[in-house]
Amino acid sequence: MEKKELLSEAINSCSIYEFLEEKLKRYLKKLTKLEHSNLYESVISEVEKSLISIVLKETEGNQLKAAKTLGINRNTLRSKIKAYKIKI
């Protein structure tokens, strides 16, 4: 299932909290050493990268529209695109 489809499913079937809770529980079961992982950073990075990718697809790569949708500055968006190596 594509990220876009997952997001649509989440919005239509339950709250974002419920969706993330279910997905994170599955993700945590896969981790073997929670005490030695950088869990917070890993999860936040993956969610942010996915969200940016989805919004960029929805705006057909228009960074200004994507930045407005996300509520961030265009330069911040560009930095994140570069950092996450997101293809437009």
PDB file of N, CA and C in Angstrom:
ATOM      1  N   MET A   1       0.849  -1.180   0.000  1.00  0.00           N
ATOM      2  CA  MET A   1       0.000   0.000   0.000  1.00  0.00           C
ATOM      3  C   MET A   1       0.894   1.244   0.000  1.00  0.00           C
ATOM      4  N   GLU A   2       0.586   2.207  -0.862  1.00  0.00           N
ATOM      5  CA  GLU A   2       1.370   3.421  -0.955  1.00  0.00           C
ATOM      6  C   GLU A   2       1.119   4.318   0.250  1.00  0.00           C
ATOM      7  N   LYS A   3       2.092   5.211   0.503  1.00  0.00           N
ATOM      8  CA  LYS A   3       1.969   6.136   1.627  1.00  0.00           C
ATOM      9  C   LYS A   3       0.710   6.984   1.504  1.00  0.00           C
ATOM     10  N   LYS A   4       0.417   7.412   0.277  1.00  0.00           N
ATOM     11  CA  LYS A   4      -0.769   8.243   0.058  1.00  0.00           C
ATOM     12  C   LYS A   4      -2.033   7.472   0.411  1.00  0.00           C
ATOM     13  N   GLU A   5      -2.086   6.208   0.010  1.00  0.00           N
ATOM     14  CA  GLU A   5      -3.251   5.374   0.320  1.00  0.00           C
ATOM     15  C   GLU A   5      -3.363   5.146   1.820  1.00  0.00           C
ATOM     16  N   LEU A   6      -2.219   4.953   2.475  1.00  0.00           N
ATOM     17  CA  LEU A   6      -2.230   4.758   3.925  1.00  0.00           C
ATOM     18  C   LEU A   6      -2.784   5.987   4.628  1.00  0.00           C
ATOM     19  N   LEU A   7      -2.362   7.162   4.174  1.00  0.00           N
ATOM     20  CA  LEU A   7      -2.847   8.390   4.783  1.00  0.00           C
ATOM     21  C   LEU A   7      -4.345   8.547   4.561  1.00  0.00           C
ATOM     22  N   SER A   8      -4.804   8.274   3.352  1.00  0.00           N
ATOM     23  CA  SER A   8      -6.244   8.351   3.066  1.00  0.00           C
ATOM     24  C   SER A   8      -7.028   7.384   3.937  1.00  0.00           C
ATOM     25  N   GLU A   9      -6.497   6.180   4.077  1.00  0.00           N
ATOM     26  CA  GLU A   9      -7.140   5.171   4.924  1.00  0.00           C
ATOM     27  C   GLU A   9      -7.221   5.660   6.365  1.00  0.00           C
ATOM     28  N   ALA A  10      -6.151   6.266   6.827  1.00  0.00           N
ATOM     29  CA  ALA A  10      -6.111   6.753   8.206  1.00  0.00           C
ATOM     30  C   ALA A  10      -7.146   7.837   8.437  1.00  0.00           C
ATOM     31  N   ILE A  11      -7.239   8.752   7.508  1.00  0.00           N
ATOM     32  CA  ILE A  11      -8.178   9.861   7.653  1.00  0.00           C
ATOM     33  C   ILE A  11      -9.617   9.368   7.594  1.00  0.00           C
ATOM     34  N   ASN A  12      -9.880   8.436   6.705  1.00  0.00           N
ATOM     35  CA  ASN A  12     -11.249   7.954   6.524  1.00  0.00           C
ATOM     36  C   ASN A  12     -11.711   6.987   7.604  1.00  0.00           C
ATOM     37  N   SER A  13     -10.814   6.175   8.132  1.00  0.00           N
ATOM     38  CA  SER A  13     -11.250   5.114   9.031  1.00  0.00           C
ATOM     39  C   SER A  13     -11.079   5.423  10.518  1.00  0.00           C
ATOM     40  N   CYS A  14     -10.183   6.298  10.865  1.00  0.00           N
ATOM     41  CA  CYS A  14      -9.956   6.575  12.283  1.00  0.00           C
ATOM     42  C   CYS A  14      -9.197   7.884  12.436  1.00  0.00           C
ATOM     43  N   SER A  15      -8.926   8.238  13.665  1.00  0.00           N
ATOM     44  CA  SER A  15      -8.153   9.447  13.908  1.00  0.00           C
ATOM     45  C   SER A  15      -6.680   9.178  13.601  1.00  0.00           C
ATOM     46  N   ILE A  16      -5.933  10.233  13.397  1.00  0.00           N
ATOM     47  CA  ILE A  16      -4.493  10.099  13.161  1.00  0.00           C
ATOM     48  C   ILE A  16      -3.846   9.405  14.355  1.00  0.00           C
ATOM     49  N   TYR A  17      -4.296   9.749  15.552  1.00  0.00           N
ATOM     50  CA  TYR A  17      -3.746   9.120  16.755  1.00  0.00           C
ATOM     51  C   TYR A  17      -3.913   7.610  16.702  1.00  0.00           C
ATOM     52  N   GLU A  18      -5.122   7.160  16.395  1.00  0.00           N
ATOM     53  CA  GLU A  18      -5.384   5.713  16.332  1.00  0.00           C
ATOM     54  C   GLU A  18      -4.559   5.044  15.240  1.00  0.00           C
ATOM     55  N   PHE A  19      -4.454   5.696  14.109  1.00  0.00           N
ATOM     56  CA  PHE A  19      -3.679   5.159  12.997  1.00  0.00           C
ATOM     57  C   PHE A  19      -2.209   5.006  13.389  1.00  0.00           C
ATOM     58  N   LEU A  20      -1.635   6.080  13.930  1.00  0.00           N
ATOM     59  CA  LEU A  20      -0.225   6.035  14.315  1.00  0.00           C
ATOM     60  C   LEU A  20       0.025   5.050  15.446  1.00  0.00           C
ATOM     61  N   GLU A  21      -0.888   4.999  16.383  1.00  0.00           N
ATOM     62  CA  GLU A  21      -0.733   4.067  17.496  1.00  0.00           C
ATOM     63  C   GLU A  21      -0.626   2.635  16.983  1.00  0.00           C
ATOM     64  N   GLU A  22      -1.500   2.268  16.073  1.00  0.00           N
ATOM     65  CA  GLU A  22      -1.489   0.913  15.515  1.00  0.00           C
ATOM     66  C   GLU A  22      -0.186   0.640  14.759  1.00  0.00           C
ATOM     67  N   LYS A  23       0.207   1.569  13.913  1.00  0.00           N
ATOM     68  CA  LYS A  23       1.421   1.385  13.107  1.00  0.00           C
ATOM     69  C   LYS A  23       2.674   1.383  13.977  1.00  0.00           C
ATOM     70  N   LEU A  24       2.717   2.254  14.980  1.00  0.00           N
ATOM     71  CA  LEU A  24       3.892   2.317  15.855  1.00  0.00           C
ATOM     72  C   LEU A  24       4.030   1.069  16.715  1.00  0.00           C
ATOM     73  N   LYS A  25       2.921   0.507  17.136  1.00  0.00           N
ATOM     74  CA  LYS A  25       2.991  -0.734  17.915  1.00  0.00           C
ATOM     75  C   LYS A  25       3.645  -1.834  17.094  1.00  0.00           C
ATOM     76  N   ARG A  26       3.254  -1.931  15.826  1.00  0.00           N
ATOM     77  CA  ARG A  26       3.864  -2.937  14.941  1.00  0.00           C
ATOM     78  C   ARG A  26       5.348  -2.656  14.730  1.00  0.00           C
ATOM     79  N   TYR A  27       5.676  -1.391  14.566  1.00  0.00           N
ATOM     80  CA  TYR A  27       7.065  -0.987  14.357  1.00  0.00           C
ATOM     81  C   TYR A  27       7.915  -1.321  15.584  1.00  0.00           C
ATOM     82  N   LEU A  28       7.391  -1.045  16.757  1.00  0.00           N
ATOM     83  CA  LEU A  28       8.136  -1.293  17.994  1.00  0.00           C
ATOM     84  C   LEU A  28       8.390  -2.777  18.223  1.00  0.00           C
ATOM     85  N   LYS A  29       7.463  -3.604  17.806  1.00  0.00           N
ATOM     86  CA  LYS A  29       7.646  -5.049  17.954  1.00  0.00           C
ATOM     87  C   LYS A  29       8.832  -5.543  17.135  1.00  0.00           C
ATOM     88  N   LYS A  30       9.127  -4.844  16.044  1.00  0.00           N
ATOM     89  CA  LYS A  30      10.238  -5.233  15.184  1.00  0.00           C
ATOM     90  C   LYS A  30      11.595  -4.825  15.763  1.00  0.00           C
ATOM     91  N   LEU A  31      11.596  -3.841  16.625  1.00  0.00           N
ATOM     92  CA  LEU A  31      12.856  -3.379  17.209  1.00  0.00           C
ATOM     93  C   LEU A  31      13.308  -4.341  18.299  1.00  0.00           C
ATOM     94  N   THR A  32      14.591  -4.597  18.342  1.00  0.00           N
ATOM     95  CA  THR A  32      15.103  -5.531  19.339  1.00  0.00           C
ATOM     96  C   THR A  32      15.718  -4.833  20.541  1.00  0.00           C
ATOM     97  N   LYS A  33      16.294  -3.667  20.340  1.00  0.00           N
ATOM     98  CA  LYS A  33      16.972  -2.983  21.441  1.00  0.00           C
ATOM     99  C   LYS A  33      16.438  -1.565  21.599  1.00  0.00           C
ATOM    100  N   LEU A  34      15.290  -1.450  22.185  1.00  0.00           N
ATOM    101  CA  LEU A  34      14.687  -0.133  22.368  1.00  0.00           C
ATOM    102  C   LEU A  34      15.554   0.801  23.194  1.00  0.00           C
ATOM    103  N   GLU A  35      16.204   0.267  24.221  1.00  0.00           N
ATOM    104  CA  GLU A  35      16.971   1.117  25.111  1.00  0.00           C
ATOM    105  C   GLU A  35      18.192   1.728  24.437  1.00  0.00           C
ATOM    106  N   HIS A  36      18.606   1.150  23.308  1.00  0.00           N
ATOM    107  CA  HIS A  36      19.789   1.659  22.624  1.00  0.00           C
ATOM    108  C   HIS A  36      19.451   2.359  21.310  1.00  0.00           C
ATOM    109  N   SER A  37      18.185   2.487  21.038  1.00  0.00           N
ATOM    110  CA  SER A  37      17.799   3.117  19.773  1.00  0.00           C
ATOM    111  C   SER A  37      17.480   4.592  19.991  1.00  0.00           C
ATOM    112  N   ASN A  38      17.479   5.303  18.907  1.00  0.00           N
ATOM    113  CA  ASN A  38      17.083   6.705  18.937  1.00  0.00           C
ATOM    114  C   ASN A  38      15.653   6.763  18.393  1.00  0.00           C
ATOM    115  N   LEU A  39      14.756   6.152  19.118  1.00  0.00           N
ATOM    116  CA  LEU A  39      13.384   5.933  18.674  1.00  0.00           C
ATOM    117  C   LEU A  39      12.668   7.224  18.287  1.00  0.00           C
ATOM    118  N   TYR A  40      12.733   8.213  19.138  1.00  0.00           N
ATOM    119  CA  TYR A  40      12.016   9.464  18.886  1.00  0.00           C
ATOM    120  C   TYR A  40      12.441  10.078  17.557  1.00  0.00           C
ATOM    121  N   GLU A  41      13.738  10.259  17.381  1.00  0.00           N
ATOM    122  CA  GLU A  41      14.252  10.854  16.147  1.00  0.00           C
ATOM    123  C   GLU A  41      13.892  10.019  14.927  1.00  0.00           C
ATOM    124  N   SER A  42      13.993   8.709  15.054  1.00  0.00           N
ATOM    125  CA  SER A  42      13.688   7.820  13.931  1.00  0.00           C
ATOM    126  C   SER A  42      12.236   7.951  13.493  1.00  0.00           C
ATOM    127  N   VAL A  43      11.333   7.913  14.450  1.00  0.00           N
ATOM    128  CA  VAL A  43       9.903   7.985  14.135  1.00  0.00           C
ATOM    129  C   VAL A  43       9.541   9.356  13.577  1.00  0.00           C
ATOM    130  N   ILE A  44       9.999  10.407  14.222  1.00  0.00           N
ATOM    131  CA  ILE A  44       9.688  11.764  13.762  1.00  0.00           C
ATOM    132  C   ILE A  44      10.222  11.983  12.352  1.00  0.00           C
ATOM    133  N   SER A  45      11.431  11.532  12.092  1.00  0.00           N
ATOM    134  CA  SER A  45      12.027  11.691  10.760  1.00  0.00           C
ATOM    135  C   SER A  45      11.227  10.962   9.691  1.00  0.00           C
ATOM    136  N   GLU A  46      10.829   9.740   9.985  1.00  0.00           N
ATOM    137  CA  GLU A  46      10.064   8.962   9.003  1.00  0.00           C
ATOM    138  C   GLU A  46       8.693   9.579   8.735  1.00  0.00           C
ATOM    139  N   VAL A  47       8.035  10.041   9.779  1.00  0.00           N
ATOM    140  CA  VAL A  47       6.719  10.666   9.611  1.00  0.00           C
ATOM    141  C   VAL A  47       6.855  11.969   8.821  1.00  0.00           C
ATOM    142  N   GLU A  48       7.847  12.776   9.173  1.00  0.00           N
ATOM    143  CA  GLU A  48       8.052  14.051   8.486  1.00  0.00           C
ATOM    144  C   GLU A  48       8.389  13.831   7.008  1.00  0.00           C
ATOM    145  N   LYS A  49       9.274  12.899   6.742  1.00  0.00           N
ATOM    146  CA  LYS A  49       9.656  12.601   5.357  1.00  0.00           C
ATOM    147  C   LYS A  49       8.437  12.146   4.550  1.00  0.00           C
ATOM    148  N   SER A  50       7.652  11.259   5.117  1.00  0.00           N
ATOM    149  CA  SER A  50       6.448  10.768   4.432  1.00  0.00           C
ATOM    150  C   SER A  50       5.451  11.889   4.190  1.00  0.00           C
ATOM    151  N   LEU A  51       5.230  12.709   5.194  1.00  0.00           N
ATOM    152  CA  LEU A  51       4.279  13.811   5.072  1.00  0.00           C
ATOM    153  C   LEU A  51       4.706  14.786   3.979  1.00  0.00           C
ATOM    154  N   ILE A  52       5.972  15.142   3.964  1.00  0.00           N
ATOM    155  CA  ILE A  52       6.485  16.060   2.943  1.00  0.00           C
ATOM    156  C   ILE A  52       6.331  15.446   1.553  1.00  0.00           C
ATOM    157  N   SER A  53       6.669  14.184   1.421  1.00  0.00           N
ATOM    158  CA  SER A  53       6.548  13.502   0.123  1.00  0.00           C
ATOM    159  C   SER A  53       5.108  13.494  -0.372  1.00  0.00           C
ATOM    160  N   ILE A  54       4.182  13.182   0.519  1.00  0.00           N
ATOM    161  CA  ILE A  54       2.760  13.133   0.157  1.00  0.00           C
ATOM    162  C   ILE A  54       2.259  14.507  -0.275  1.00  0.00           C
ATOM    163  N   VAL A  55       2.601  15.529   0.491  1.00  0.00           N
ATOM    164  CA  VAL A  55       2.138  16.881   0.167  1.00  0.00           C
ATOM    165  C   VAL A  55       2.754  17.360  -1.144  1.00  0.00           C
ATOM    166  N   LEU A  56       4.017  17.044  -1.380  1.00  0.00           N
ATOM    167  CA  LEU A  56       4.641  17.426  -2.649  1.00  0.00           C
ATOM    168  C   LEU A  56       3.956  16.749  -3.835  1.00  0.00           C
ATOM    169  N   LYS A  57       3.575  15.499  -3.664  1.00  0.00           N
ATOM    170  CA  LYS A  57       2.850  14.809  -4.742  1.00  0.00           C
ATOM    171  C   LYS A  57       1.493  15.464  -4.973  1.00  0.00           C
ATOM    172  N   GLU A  58       0.806  15.793  -3.888  1.00  0.00           N
ATOM    173  CA  GLU A  58      -0.518  16.413  -3.999  1.00  0.00           C
ATOM    174  C   GLU A  58      -0.450  17.789  -4.654  1.00  0.00           C
ATOM    175  N   THR A  59       0.659  18.497  -4.460  1.00  0.00           N
ATOM    176  CA  THR A  59       0.823  19.836  -5.046  1.00  0.00           C
ATOM    177  C   THR A  59       1.607  19.776  -6.353  1.00  0.00           C
ATOM    178  N   GLU A  60       1.783  18.561  -6.862  1.00  0.00           N
ATOM    179  CA  GLU A  60       2.497  18.326  -8.121  1.00  0.00           C
ATOM    180  C   GLU A  60       3.888  18.951  -8.111  1.00  0.00           C
ATOM    181  N   GLY A  61       4.556  18.858  -6.979  1.00  0.00           N
ATOM    182  CA  GLY A  61       5.929  19.346  -6.857  1.00  0.00           C
ATOM    183  C   GLY A  61       6.062  20.834  -6.612  1.00  0.00           C
ATOM    184  N   ASN A  62       4.955  21.533  -6.473  1.00  0.00           N
ATOM    185  CA  ASN A  62       5.000  22.976  -6.229  1.00  0.00           C
ATOM    186  C   ASN A  62       5.407  23.209  -4.775  1.00  0.00           C
ATOM    187  N   GLN A  63       6.645  23.640  -4.602  1.00  0.00           N
ATOM    188  CA  GLN A  63       7.187  23.784  -3.254  1.00  0.00           C
ATOM    189  C   GLN A  63       6.523  24.900  -2.465  1.00  0.00           C
ATOM    190  N   LEU A  64       6.137  25.965  -3.122  1.00  0.00           N
ATOM    191  CA  LEU A  64       5.470  27.059  -2.420  1.00  0.00           C
ATOM    192  C   LEU A  64       4.117  26.605  -1.873  1.00  0.00           C
ATOM    193  N   LYS A  65       3.333  25.910  -2.708  1.00  0.00           N
ATOM    194  CA  LYS A  65       2.038  25.388  -2.246  1.00  0.00           C
ATOM    195  C   LYS A  65       2.231  24.354  -1.144  1.00  0.00           C
ATOM    196  N   ALA A  66       3.233  23.497  -1.314  1.00  0.00           N
ATOM    197  CA  ALA A  66       3.500  22.463  -0.308  1.00  0.00           C
ATOM    198  C   ALA A  66       3.875  23.097   1.024  1.00  0.00           C
ATOM    199  N   ALA A  67       4.728  24.106   0.975  1.00  0.00           N
ATOM    200  CA  ALA A  67       5.148  24.785   2.205  1.00  0.00           C
ATOM    201  C   ALA A  67       3.951  25.431   2.900  1.00  0.00           C
ATOM    202  N   LYS A  68       3.080  26.058   2.124  1.00  0.00           N
ATOM    203  CA  LYS A  68       1.882  26.683   2.710  1.00  0.00           C
ATOM    204  C   LYS A  68       0.972  25.630   3.328  1.00  0.00           C
ATOM    205  N   THR A  69       0.804  24.512   2.632  1.00  0.00           N
ATOM    206  CA  THR A  69      -0.034  23.427   3.150  1.00  0.00           C
ATOM    207  C   THR A  69       0.525  22.893   4.460  1.00  0.00           C
ATOM    208  N   LEU A  70       1.841  22.755   4.508  1.00  0.00           N
ATOM    209  CA  LEU A  70       2.500  22.222   5.704  1.00  0.00           C
ATOM    210  C   LEU A  70       2.627  23.258   6.817  1.00  0.00           C
ATOM    211  N   GLY A  71       2.473  24.526   6.466  1.00  0.00           N
ATOM    212  CA  GLY A  71       2.599  25.589   7.460  1.00  0.00           C
ATOM    213  C   GLY A  71       4.040  25.891   7.820  1.00  0.00           C
ATOM    214  N   ILE A  72       4.929  25.696   6.838  1.00  0.00           N
ATOM    215  CA  ILE A  72       6.344  25.993   7.065  1.00  0.00           C
ATOM    216  C   ILE A  72       6.849  26.919   5.966  1.00  0.00           C
ATOM    217  N   ASN A  73       7.979  27.539   6.211  1.00  0.00           N
ATOM    218  CA  ASN A  73       8.633  28.413   5.255  1.00  0.00           C
ATOM    219  C   ASN A  73       9.153  27.603   4.076  1.00  0.00           C
ATOM    220  N   ARG A  74       9.127  28.176   2.871  1.00  0.00           N
ATOM    221  CA  ARG A  74       9.602  27.472   1.678  1.00  0.00           C
ATOM    222  C   ARG A  74      11.065  27.059   1.809  1.00  0.00           C
ATOM    223  N   ASN A  75      11.888  27.916   2.405  1.00  0.00           N
ATOM    224  CA  ASN A  75      13.302  27.567   2.586  1.00  0.00           C
ATOM    225  C   ASN A  75      13.467  26.395   3.550  1.00  0.00           C
ATOM    226  N   THR A  76      12.626  26.339   4.559  1.00  0.00           N
ATOM    227  CA  THR A  76      12.648  25.203   5.486  1.00  0.00           C
ATOM    228  C   THR A  76      12.274  23.932   4.741  1.00  0.00           C
ATOM    229  N   LEU A  77      11.254  24.019   3.909  1.00  0.00           N
ATOM    230  CA  LEU A  77      10.846  22.867   3.109  1.00  0.00           C
ATOM    231  C   LEU A  77      11.982  22.412   2.208  1.00  0.00           C
ATOM    232  N   ARG A  78      12.623  23.344   1.536  1.00  0.00           N
ATOM    233  CA  ARG A  78      13.735  22.998   0.641  1.00  0.00           C
ATOM    234  C   ARG A  78      14.860  22.311   1.407  1.00  0.00           C
ATOM    235  N   SER A  79      15.143  22.795   2.603  1.00  0.00           N
ATOM    236  CA  SER A  79      16.185  22.171   3.435  1.00  0.00           C
ATOM    237  C   SER A  79      15.811  20.738   3.792  1.00  0.00           C
ATOM    238  N   LYS A  80      14.548  20.531   4.118  1.00  0.00           N
ATOM    239  CA  LYS A  80      14.087  19.192   4.489  1.00  0.00           C
ATOM    240  C   LYS A  80      14.080  18.255   3.280  1.00  0.00           C
ATOM    241  N   ILE A  81      13.714  18.775   2.118  1.00  0.00           N
ATOM    242  CA  ILE A  81      13.749  17.975   0.890  1.00  0.00           C
ATOM    243  C   ILE A  81      15.174  17.496   0.635  1.00  0.00           C
ATOM    244  N   LYS A  82      16.109  18.403   0.803  1.00  0.00           N
ATOM    245  CA  LYS A  82      17.521  18.065   0.597  1.00  0.00           C
ATOM    246  C   LYS A  82      18.002  17.075   1.657  1.00  0.00           C
ATOM    247  N   ALA A  83      17.677  17.334   2.908  1.00  0.00           N
ATOM    248  CA  ALA A  83      18.131  16.469   4.008  1.00  0.00           C
ATOM    249  C   ALA A  83      17.580  15.051   3.884  1.00  0.00           C
ATOM    250  N   TYR A  84      16.317  14.933   3.492  1.00  0.00           N
ATOM    251  CA  TYR A  84      15.677  13.621   3.359  1.00  0.00           C
ATOM    252  C   TYR A  84      15.872  12.995   1.976  1.00  0.00           C
ATOM    253  N   LYS A  85      16.520  13.762   1.083  1.00  0.00           N
ATOM    254  CA  LYS A  85      16.778  13.287  -0.286  1.00  0.00           C
ATOM    255  C   LYS A  85      15.476  12.884  -0.984  1.00  0.00           C
ATOM    256  N   ILE A  86      14.495  13.760  -0.871  1.00  0.00           N
ATOM    257  CA  ILE A  86      13.188  13.521  -1.482  1.00  0.00           C
ATOM    258  C   ILE A  86      13.250  13.930  -2.947  1.00  0.00           C
ATOM    259  N   LYS A  87      12.831  13.024  -3.808  1.00  0.00           N
ATOM    260  CA  LYS A  87      12.796  13.321  -5.242  1.00  0.00           C
ATOM    261  C   LYS A  87      11.469  13.979  -5.580  1.00  0.00           C
ATOM    262  N   ILE A  88      11.565  15.028  -6.364  1.00  0.00           N
ATOM    263  CA  ILE A  88      10.360  15.781  -6.741  1.00  0.00           C
ATOM    264  C   ILE A  88       9.966  15.420  -8.159  1.00  0.00           C
TER     265      ILE A  88
END
